[in-house]
């Protein structure tokens, strides 16, 4: 699968950040089973934690020929993402 140039939303609060990615994209990339439970999910989307899971996603995306841009969103409050279900397949 060849990736393209895409923009992904990054949501951050005072302590952490997550990038929003469609779960189907993680499946197509072959990394859905490598995402940790430190990430979250809601509906069709996964929110990849900024450390290991985002690094895995970004490196794999680039290896597949893609280019990533990020759009940042920040809150001074605790992010509602923390209340989402922990990631699992």
PDB file of N, CA and C in Angstrom:
ATOM      1  N   UNK A   1       0.842  -1.177   0.000  1.00  0.00           N
ATOM      2  CA  UNK A   1       0.000   0.000   0.000  1.00  0.00           C
ATOM      3  C   UNK A   1       0.889   1.242   0.000  1.00  0.00           C
ATOM      4  N   UNK A   2       0.653   2.147  -0.900  1.00  0.00           N
ATOM      5  CA  UNK A   2       1.408   3.395  -1.012  1.00  0.00           C
ATOM      6  C   UNK A   2       0.654   4.504  -0.287  1.00  0.00           C
ATOM      7  N   UNK A   3       1.327   5.187   0.599  1.00  0.00           N
ATOM      8  CA  UNK A   3       0.730   6.294   1.335  1.00  0.00           C
ATOM      9  C   UNK A   3       0.898   7.593   0.562  1.00  0.00           C
ATOM     10  N   UNK A   4       0.135   8.583   0.961  1.00  0.00           N
ATOM     11  CA  UNK A   4       0.202   9.893   0.320  1.00  0.00           C
ATOM     12  C   UNK A   4       0.496  10.962   1.360  1.00  0.00           C
ATOM     13  N   UNK A   5       0.533  12.180   0.942  1.00  0.00           N
ATOM     14  CA  UNK A   5       0.716  13.294   1.863  1.00  0.00           C
ATOM     15  C   UNK A   5      -0.601  13.524   2.593  1.00  0.00           C
ATOM     16  N   UNK A   6      -0.558  13.508   3.926  1.00  0.00           N
ATOM     17  CA  UNK A   6      -1.771  13.669   4.714  1.00  0.00           C
ATOM     18  C   UNK A   6      -1.511  14.522   5.943  1.00  0.00           C
ATOM     19  N   UNK A   7      -2.574  15.163   6.409  1.00  0.00           N
ATOM     20  CA  UNK A   7      -2.521  15.952   7.627  1.00  0.00           C
ATOM     21  C   UNK A   7      -3.286  15.215   8.717  1.00  0.00           C
ATOM     22  N   UNK A   8      -2.676  15.102   9.878  1.00  0.00           N
ATOM     23  CA  UNK A   8      -3.287  14.434  11.018  1.00  0.00           C
ATOM     24  C   UNK A   8      -3.406  15.429  12.165  1.00  0.00           C
ATOM     25  N   UNK A   9      -4.515  15.346  12.896  1.00  0.00           N
ATOM     26  CA  UNK A   9      -4.764  16.217  14.041  1.00  0.00           C
ATOM     27  C   UNK A   9      -4.078  15.676  15.284  1.00  0.00           C
ATOM     28  N   UNK A  10      -3.406  16.572  15.994  1.00  0.00           N
ATOM     29  CA  UNK A  10      -2.757  16.246  17.256  1.00  0.00           C
ATOM     30  C   UNK A  10      -3.490  17.028  18.344  1.00  0.00           C
ATOM     31  N   UNK A  11      -3.917  16.294  19.389  1.00  0.00           N
ATOM     32  CA  UNK A  11      -4.626  16.892  20.513  1.00  0.00           C
ATOM     33  C   UNK A  11      -3.736  16.774  21.740  1.00  0.00           C
ATOM     34  N   UNK A  12      -3.548  17.891  22.434  1.00  0.00           N
ATOM     35  CA  UNK A  12      -2.649  17.910  23.582  1.00  0.00           C
ATOM     36  C   UNK A  12      -3.301  18.597  24.769  1.00  0.00           C
ATOM     37  N   UNK A  13      -2.969  18.099  25.961  1.00  0.00           N
ATOM     38  CA  UNK A  13      -3.326  18.791  27.184  1.00  0.00           C
ATOM     39  C   UNK A  13      -2.028  19.097  27.923  1.00  0.00           C
ATOM     40  N   UNK A  14      -2.108  19.438  29.179  1.00  0.00           N
ATOM     41  CA  UNK A  14      -0.907  19.835  29.924  1.00  0.00           C
ATOM     42  C   UNK A  14       0.116  18.709  30.076  1.00  0.00           C
ATOM     43  N   UNK A  15      -0.325  17.443  29.979  1.00  0.00           N
ATOM     44  CA  UNK A  15       0.594  16.360  30.263  1.00  0.00           C
ATOM     45  C   UNK A  15       0.905  15.413  29.127  1.00  0.00           C
ATOM     46  N   UNK A  16       0.089  15.433  28.075  1.00  0.00           N
ATOM     47  CA  UNK A  16       0.291  14.427  27.034  1.00  0.00           C
ATOM     48  C   UNK A  16      -0.343  14.890  25.721  1.00  0.00           C
ATOM     49  N   UNK A  17      -0.024  14.144  24.659  1.00  0.00           N
ATOM     50  CA  UNK A  17      -0.599  14.453  23.347  1.00  0.00           C
ATOM     51  C   UNK A  17      -0.894  13.156  22.604  1.00  0.00           C
ATOM     52  N   UNK A  18      -1.859  13.232  21.690  1.00  0.00           N
ATOM     53  CA  UNK A  18      -2.281  12.076  20.895  1.00  0.00           C
ATOM     54  C   UNK A  18      -2.561  12.523  19.474  1.00  0.00           C
ATOM     55  N   UNK A  19      -2.286  11.665  18.526  1.00  0.00           N
ATOM     56  CA  UNK A  19      -2.625  11.946  17.132  1.00  0.00           C
ATOM     57  C   UNK A  19      -3.816  11.065  16.759  1.00  0.00           C
ATOM     58  N   UNK A  20      -4.790  11.677  16.085  1.00  0.00           N
ATOM     59  CA  UNK A  20      -6.012  10.972  15.684  1.00  0.00           C
ATOM     60  C   UNK A  20      -5.784  10.291  14.336  1.00  0.00           C
ATOM     61  N   UNK A  21      -6.040   8.968  14.301  1.00  0.00           N
ATOM     62  CA  UNK A  21      -5.827   8.159  13.099  1.00  0.00           C
ATOM     63  C   UNK A  21      -7.009   7.206  12.960  1.00  0.00           C
ATOM     64  N   UNK A  22      -7.487   7.005  11.775  1.00  0.00           N
ATOM     65  CA  UNK A  22      -8.551   6.032  11.527  1.00  0.00           C
ATOM     66  C   UNK A  22      -8.023   4.630  11.838  1.00  0.00           C
ATOM     67  N   UNK A  23      -8.817   3.845  12.552  1.00  0.00           N
ATOM     68  CA  UNK A  23      -8.391   2.489  12.896  1.00  0.00           C
ATOM     69  C   UNK A  23      -8.194   1.639  11.641  1.00  0.00           C
ATOM     70  N   UNK A  24      -8.997   1.863  10.610  1.00  0.00           N
ATOM     71  CA  UNK A  24      -8.857   1.088   9.377  1.00  0.00           C
ATOM     72  C   UNK A  24      -7.490   1.354   8.728  1.00  0.00           C
ATOM     73  N   UNK A  25      -6.959   2.545   8.885  1.00  0.00           N
ATOM     74  CA  UNK A  25      -5.636   2.853   8.341  1.00  0.00           C
ATOM     75  C   UNK A  25      -4.565   2.045   9.072  1.00  0.00           C
ATOM     76  N   UNK A  26      -4.689   1.917  10.371  1.00  0.00           N
ATOM     77  CA  UNK A  26      -3.734   1.109  11.136  1.00  0.00           C
ATOM     78  C   UNK A  26      -3.769  -0.343  10.666  1.00  0.00           C
ATOM     79  N   UNK A  27      -4.955  -0.851  10.381  1.00  0.00           N
ATOM     80  CA  UNK A  27      -5.096  -2.217   9.849  1.00  0.00           C
ATOM     81  C   UNK A  27      -4.427  -2.351   8.492  1.00  0.00           C
ATOM     82  N   UNK A  28      -4.692  -1.398   7.602  1.00  0.00           N
ATOM     83  CA  UNK A  28      -4.111  -1.436   6.255  1.00  0.00           C
ATOM     84  C   UNK A  28      -2.594  -1.343   6.297  1.00  0.00           C
ATOM     85  N   UNK A  29      -2.075  -0.617   7.268  1.00  0.00           N
ATOM     86  CA  UNK A  29      -0.627  -0.460   7.405  1.00  0.00           C
ATOM     87  C   UNK A  29       0.022  -1.672   8.061  1.00  0.00           C
ATOM     88  N   UNK A  30      -0.787  -2.539   8.649  1.00  0.00           N
ATOM     89  CA  UNK A  30      -0.251  -3.729   9.306  1.00  0.00           C
ATOM     90  C   UNK A  30       0.300  -3.491  10.697  1.00  0.00           C
ATOM     91  N   UNK A  31      -0.119  -2.403  11.344  1.00  0.00           N
ATOM     92  CA  UNK A  31       0.406  -2.104  12.678  1.00  0.00           C
ATOM     93  C   UNK A  31      -0.680  -2.058  13.750  1.00  0.00           C
ATOM     94  N   UNK A  32      -1.911  -2.386  13.415  1.00  0.00           N
ATOM     95  CA  UNK A  32      -3.011  -2.304  14.381  1.00  0.00           C
ATOM     96  C   UNK A  32      -2.732  -3.135  15.633  1.00  0.00           C
ATOM     97  N   UNK A  33      -2.080  -4.261  15.465  1.00  0.00           N
ATOM     98  CA  UNK A  33      -1.800  -5.136  16.604  1.00  0.00           C
ATOM     99  C   UNK A  33      -0.542  -4.737  17.373  1.00  0.00           C
ATOM    100  N   UNK A  34       0.123  -3.677  16.932  1.00  0.00           N
ATOM    101  CA  UNK A  34       1.347  -3.219  17.596  1.00  0.00           C
ATOM    102  C   UNK A  34       1.112  -1.973  18.455  1.00  0.00           C
ATOM    103  N   UNK A  35      -0.108  -1.426  18.406  1.00  0.00           N
ATOM    104  CA  UNK A  35      -0.437  -0.224  19.173  1.00  0.00           C
ATOM    105  C   UNK A  35      -0.700  -0.618  20.625  1.00  0.00           C
ATOM    106  N   UNK A  36      -0.167   0.155  21.552  1.00  0.00           N
ATOM    107  CA  UNK A  36      -0.282  -0.176  22.977  1.00  0.00           C
ATOM    108  C   UNK A  36      -1.609   0.289  23.566  1.00  0.00           C
ATOM    109  N   UNK A  37      -1.884  -0.186  24.758  1.00  0.00           N
ATOM    110  CA  UNK A  37      -3.096   0.229  25.463  1.00  0.00           C
ATOM    111  C   UNK A  37      -2.922   1.616  26.103  1.00  0.00           C
ATOM    112  N   UNK A  38      -1.778   2.262  25.909  1.00  0.00           N
ATOM    113  CA  UNK A  38      -1.601   3.649  26.340  1.00  0.00           C
ATOM    114  C   UNK A  38      -2.294   4.603  25.389  1.00  0.00           C
ATOM    115  N   UNK A  39      -2.656   4.112  24.202  1.00  0.00           N
ATOM    116  CA  UNK A  39      -3.438   4.887  23.251  1.00  0.00           C
ATOM    117  C   UNK A  39      -4.912   4.643  23.540  1.00  0.00           C
ATOM    118  N   UNK A  40      -5.752   5.444  22.912  1.00  0.00           N
ATOM    119  CA  UNK A  40      -7.188   5.364  23.149  1.00  0.00           C
ATOM    120  C   UNK A  40      -7.921   5.165  21.832  1.00  0.00           C
ATOM    121  N   UNK A  41      -9.229   4.882  21.937  1.00  0.00           N
ATOM    122  CA  UNK A  41     -10.048   4.760  20.741  1.00  0.00           C
ATOM    123  C   UNK A  41     -11.472   5.207  21.058  1.00  0.00           C
ATOM    124  N   UNK A  42     -12.109   5.682  20.014  1.00  0.00           N
ATOM    125  CA  UNK A  42     -13.508   6.101  20.105  1.00  0.00           C
ATOM    126  C   UNK A  42     -14.093   5.994  18.713  1.00  0.00           C
ATOM    127  N   UNK A  43     -15.128   5.189  18.559  1.00  0.00           N
ATOM    128  CA  UNK A  43     -15.737   5.004  17.248  1.00  0.00           C
ATOM    129  C   UNK A  43     -14.732   4.407  16.277  1.00  0.00           C
ATOM    130  N   UNK A  44     -14.595   5.019  15.118  1.00  0.00           N
ATOM    131  CA  UNK A  44     -13.693   4.541  14.068  1.00  0.00           C
ATOM    132  C   UNK A  44     -12.273   5.066  14.211  1.00  0.00           C
ATOM    133  N   UNK A  45     -12.011   5.849  15.249  1.00  0.00           N
ATOM    134  CA  UNK A  45     -10.725   6.524  15.391  1.00  0.00           C
ATOM    135  C   UNK A  45      -9.893   5.988  16.545  1.00  0.00           C
ATOM    136  N   UNK A  46      -8.591   6.013  16.347  1.00  0.00           N
ATOM    137  CA  UNK A  46      -7.624   5.726  17.400  1.00  0.00           C
ATOM    138  C   UNK A  46      -6.897   7.027  17.709  1.00  0.00           C
ATOM    139  N   UNK A  47      -6.517   7.189  18.954  1.00  0.00           N
ATOM    140  CA  UNK A  47      -5.765   8.361  19.404  1.00  0.00           C
ATOM    141  C   UNK A  47      -4.437   7.828  19.929  1.00  0.00           C
ATOM    142  N   UNK A  48      -3.427   7.914  19.090  1.00  0.00           N
ATOM    143  CA  UNK A  48      -2.132   7.305  19.392  1.00  0.00           C
ATOM    144  C   UNK A  48      -1.324   8.192  20.328  1.00  0.00           C
ATOM    145  N   UNK A  49      -0.863   7.600  21.427  1.00  0.00           N
ATOM    146  CA  UNK A  49      -0.065   8.369  22.388  1.00  0.00           C
ATOM    147  C   UNK A  49       1.225   8.831  21.726  1.00  0.00           C
ATOM    148  N   UNK A  50       1.713   9.957  22.197  1.00  0.00           N
ATOM    149  CA  UNK A  50       2.789  10.668  21.509  1.00  0.00           C
ATOM    150  C   UNK A  50       4.155   9.997  21.536  1.00  0.00           C
ATOM    151  N   UNK A  51       4.367   9.070  22.413  1.00  0.00           N
ATOM    152  CA  UNK A  51       5.695   8.491  22.543  1.00  0.00           C
ATOM    153  C   UNK A  51       5.874   7.314  21.574  1.00  0.00           C
ATOM    154  N   UNK A  52       5.679   6.130  22.034  1.00  0.00           N
ATOM    155  CA  UNK A  52       5.955   4.944  21.205  1.00  0.00           C
ATOM    156  C   UNK A  52       4.976   4.763  20.047  1.00  0.00           C
ATOM    157  N   UNK A  53       3.679   4.884  20.308  1.00  0.00           N
ATOM    158  CA  UNK A  53       2.705   4.571  19.267  1.00  0.00           C
ATOM    159  C   UNK A  53       2.739   5.569  18.101  1.00  0.00           C
ATOM    160  N   UNK A  54       2.864   6.837  18.401  1.00  0.00           N
ATOM    161  CA  UNK A  54       2.961   7.828  17.327  1.00  0.00           C
ATOM    162  C   UNK A  54       4.242   7.625  16.526  1.00  0.00           C
ATOM    163  N   UNK A  55       5.329   7.321  17.206  1.00  0.00           N
ATOM    164  CA  UNK A  55       6.599   7.073  16.509  1.00  0.00           C
ATOM    165  C   UNK A  55       6.474   5.885  15.571  1.00  0.00           C
ATOM    166  N   UNK A  56       5.864   4.809  16.043  1.00  0.00           N
ATOM    167  CA  UNK A  56       5.639   3.632  15.199  1.00  0.00           C
ATOM    168  C   UNK A  56       4.806   3.997  13.981  1.00  0.00           C
ATOM    169  N   UNK A  57       3.714   4.702  14.200  1.00  0.00           N
ATOM    170  CA  UNK A  57       2.836   5.103  13.101  1.00  0.00           C
ATOM    171  C   UNK A  57       3.581   5.978  12.095  1.00  0.00           C
ATOM    172  N   UNK A  58       4.241   7.025  12.572  1.00  0.00           N
ATOM    173  CA  UNK A  58       4.911   7.974  11.682  1.00  0.00           C
ATOM    174  C   UNK A  58       6.030   7.299  10.887  1.00  0.00           C
ATOM    175  N   UNK A  59       6.832   6.481  11.544  1.00  0.00           N
ATOM    176  CA  UNK A  59       7.916   5.788  10.846  1.00  0.00           C
ATOM    177  C   UNK A  59       7.378   4.844   9.779  1.00  0.00           C
ATOM    178  N   UNK A  60       6.340   4.098  10.113  1.00  0.00           N
ATOM    179  CA  UNK A  60       5.751   3.163   9.153  1.00  0.00           C
ATOM    180  C   UNK A  60       5.115   3.912   7.987  1.00  0.00           C
ATOM    181  N   UNK A  61       4.418   4.988   8.277  1.00  0.00           N
ATOM    182  CA  UNK A  61       3.769   5.795   7.236  1.00  0.00           C
ATOM    183  C   UNK A  61       4.814   6.316   6.241  1.00  0.00           C
ATOM    184  N   UNK A  62       5.903   6.827   6.773  1.00  0.00           N
ATOM    185  CA  UNK A  62       6.966   7.354   5.906  1.00  0.00           C
ATOM    186  C   UNK A  62       7.658   6.245   5.115  1.00  0.00           C
ATOM    187  N   UNK A  63       7.863   5.092   5.751  1.00  0.00           N
ATOM    188  CA  UNK A  63       8.462   3.951   5.048  1.00  0.00           C
ATOM    189  C   UNK A  63       7.587   3.494   3.878  1.00  0.00           C
ATOM    190  N   UNK A  64       6.287   3.739   3.996  1.00  0.00           N
ATOM    191  CA  UNK A  64       5.345   3.353   2.947  1.00  0.00           C
ATOM    192  C   UNK A  64       5.156   4.478   1.924  1.00  0.00           C
ATOM    193  N   UNK A  65       6.042   5.469   1.967  1.00  0.00           N
ATOM    194  CA  UNK A  65       6.046   6.532   0.965  1.00  0.00           C
ATOM    195  C   UNK A  65       5.218   7.751   1.297  1.00  0.00           C
ATOM    196  N   UNK A  66       4.662   7.808   2.476  1.00  0.00           N
ATOM    197  CA  UNK A  66       3.806   8.925   2.848  1.00  0.00           C
ATOM    198  C   UNK A  66       4.560  10.098   3.435  1.00  0.00           C
ATOM    199  N   UNK A  67       3.898  11.219   3.430  1.00  0.00           N
ATOM    200  CA  UNK A  67       4.428  12.434   4.043  1.00  0.00           C
ATOM    201  C   UNK A  67       3.375  12.926   5.034  1.00  0.00           C
ATOM    202  N   UNK A  68       3.815  13.258   6.238  1.00  0.00           N
ATOM    203  CA  UNK A  68       2.892  13.645   7.302  1.00  0.00           C
ATOM    204  C   UNK A  68       3.046  15.118   7.640  1.00  0.00           C
ATOM    205  N   UNK A  69       1.893  15.771   7.799  1.00  0.00           N
ATOM    206  CA  UNK A  69       1.813  17.106   8.383  1.00  0.00           C
ATOM    207  C   UNK A  69       0.906  16.978   9.604  1.00  0.00           C
ATOM    208  N   UNK A  70       1.129  17.833  10.590  1.00  0.00           N
ATOM    209  CA  UNK A  70       0.322  17.797  11.797  1.00  0.00           C
ATOM    210  C   UNK A  70      -0.384  19.135  11.994  1.00  0.00           C
ATOM    211  N   UNK A  71      -1.617  19.055  12.471  1.00  0.00           N
ATOM    212  CA  UNK A  71      -2.375  20.236  12.870  1.00  0.00           C
ATOM    213  C   UNK A  71      -2.588  20.105  14.372  1.00  0.00           C
ATOM    214  N   UNK A  72      -2.108  21.069  15.146  1.00  0.00           N
ATOM    215  CA  UNK A  72      -2.089  20.965  16.591  1.00  0.00           C
ATOM    216  C   UNK A  72      -3.284  21.667  17.245  1.00  0.00           C
ATOM    217  N   UNK A  73      -3.826  21.005  18.272  1.00  0.00           N
ATOM    218  CA  UNK A  73      -4.922  21.530  19.083  1.00  0.00           C
ATOM    219  C   UNK A  73      -4.505  21.338  20.540  1.00  0.00           C
ATOM    220  N   UNK A  74      -4.604  22.386  21.349  1.00  0.00           N
ATOM    221  CA  UNK A  74      -4.154  22.305  22.738  1.00  0.00           C
ATOM    222  C   UNK A  74      -5.245  22.811  23.672  1.00  0.00           C
ATOM    223  N   UNK A  75      -5.354  22.160  24.823  1.00  0.00           N
ATOM    224  CA  UNK A  75      -6.245  22.630  25.874  1.00  0.00           C
ATOM    225  C   UNK A  75      -5.462  22.751  27.179  1.00  0.00           C
ATOM    226  N   UNK A  76      -5.829  23.720  27.988  1.00  0.00           N
ATOM    227  CA  UNK A  76      -5.211  23.872  29.301  1.00  0.00           C
ATOM    228  C   UNK A  76      -5.892  22.979  30.331  1.00  0.00           C
ATOM    229  N   UNK A  77      -7.026  22.398  29.952  1.00  0.00           N
ATOM    230  CA  UNK A  77      -7.745  21.472  30.822  1.00  0.00           C
ATOM    231  C   UNK A  77      -7.301  20.049  30.504  1.00  0.00           C
ATOM    232  N   UNK A  78      -7.791  19.096  31.270  1.00  0.00           N
ATOM    233  CA  UNK A  78      -7.512  17.697  30.968  1.00  0.00           C
ATOM    234  C   UNK A  78      -8.288  17.306  29.716  1.00  0.00           C
ATOM    235  N   UNK A  79      -7.615  16.670  28.772  1.00  0.00           N
ATOM    236  CA  UNK A  79      -8.243  16.282  27.518  1.00  0.00           C
ATOM    237  C   UNK A  79      -9.313  15.217  27.743  1.00  0.00           C
ATOM    238  N   UNK A  80     -10.412  15.341  27.004  1.00  0.00           N
ATOM    239  CA  UNK A  80     -11.475  14.334  27.087  1.00  0.00           C
ATOM    240  C   UNK A  80     -11.013  12.992  26.514  1.00  0.00           C
ATOM    241  N   UNK A  81      -9.927  13.012  25.751  1.00  0.00           N
ATOM    242  CA  UNK A  81      -9.385  11.762  25.200  1.00  0.00           C
ATOM    243  C   UNK A  81      -9.042  10.793  26.323  1.00  0.00           C
ATOM    244  N   UNK A  82      -8.634  11.303  27.461  1.00  0.00           N
ATOM    245  CA  UNK A  82      -8.275  10.450  28.604  1.00  0.00           C
ATOM    246  C   UNK A  82      -9.460   9.612  29.099  1.00  0.00           C
ATOM    247  N   UNK A  83     -10.684  10.019  28.749  1.00  0.00           N
ATOM    248  CA  UNK A  83     -11.868   9.277  29.175  1.00  0.00           C
ATOM    249  C   UNK A  83     -12.317   8.248  28.133  1.00  0.00           C
ATOM    250  N   UNK A  84     -11.669   8.210  26.986  1.00  0.00           N
ATOM    251  CA  UNK A  84     -12.028   7.251  25.941  1.00  0.00           C
ATOM    252  C   UNK A  84     -11.543   5.858  26.340  1.00  0.00           C
ATOM    253  N   UNK A  85     -12.042   4.880  25.626  1.00  0.00           N
ATOM    254  CA  UNK A  85     -11.644   3.486  25.866  1.00  0.00           C
ATOM    255  C   UNK A  85     -10.186   3.291  25.475  1.00  0.00           C
ATOM    256  N   UNK A  86      -9.453   2.516  26.284  1.00  0.00           N
ATOM    257  CA  UNK A  86      -8.071   2.210  25.932  1.00  0.00           C
ATOM    258  C   UNK A  86      -8.053   1.393  24.643  1.00  0.00           C
ATOM    259  N   UNK A  87      -7.041   1.599  23.841  1.00  0.00           N
ATOM    260  CA  UNK A  87      -6.935   0.937  22.542  1.00  0.00           C
ATOM    261  C   UNK A  87      -6.817  -0.576  22.699  1.00  0.00           C
ATOM    262  N   UNK A  88      -7.553  -1.263  21.855  1.00  0.00           N
ATOM    263  CA  UNK A  88      -7.410  -2.724  21.718  1.00  0.00           C
ATOM    264  C   UNK A  88      -7.936  -3.086  20.333  1.00  0.00           C
ATOM    265  N   UNK A  89      -7.517  -4.227  19.850  1.00  0.00           N
ATOM    266  CA  UNK A  89      -7.989  -4.671  18.533  1.00  0.00           C
ATOM    267  C   UNK A  89      -9.316  -5.364  18.709  1.00  0.00           C
TER     268      UNK A  89
END
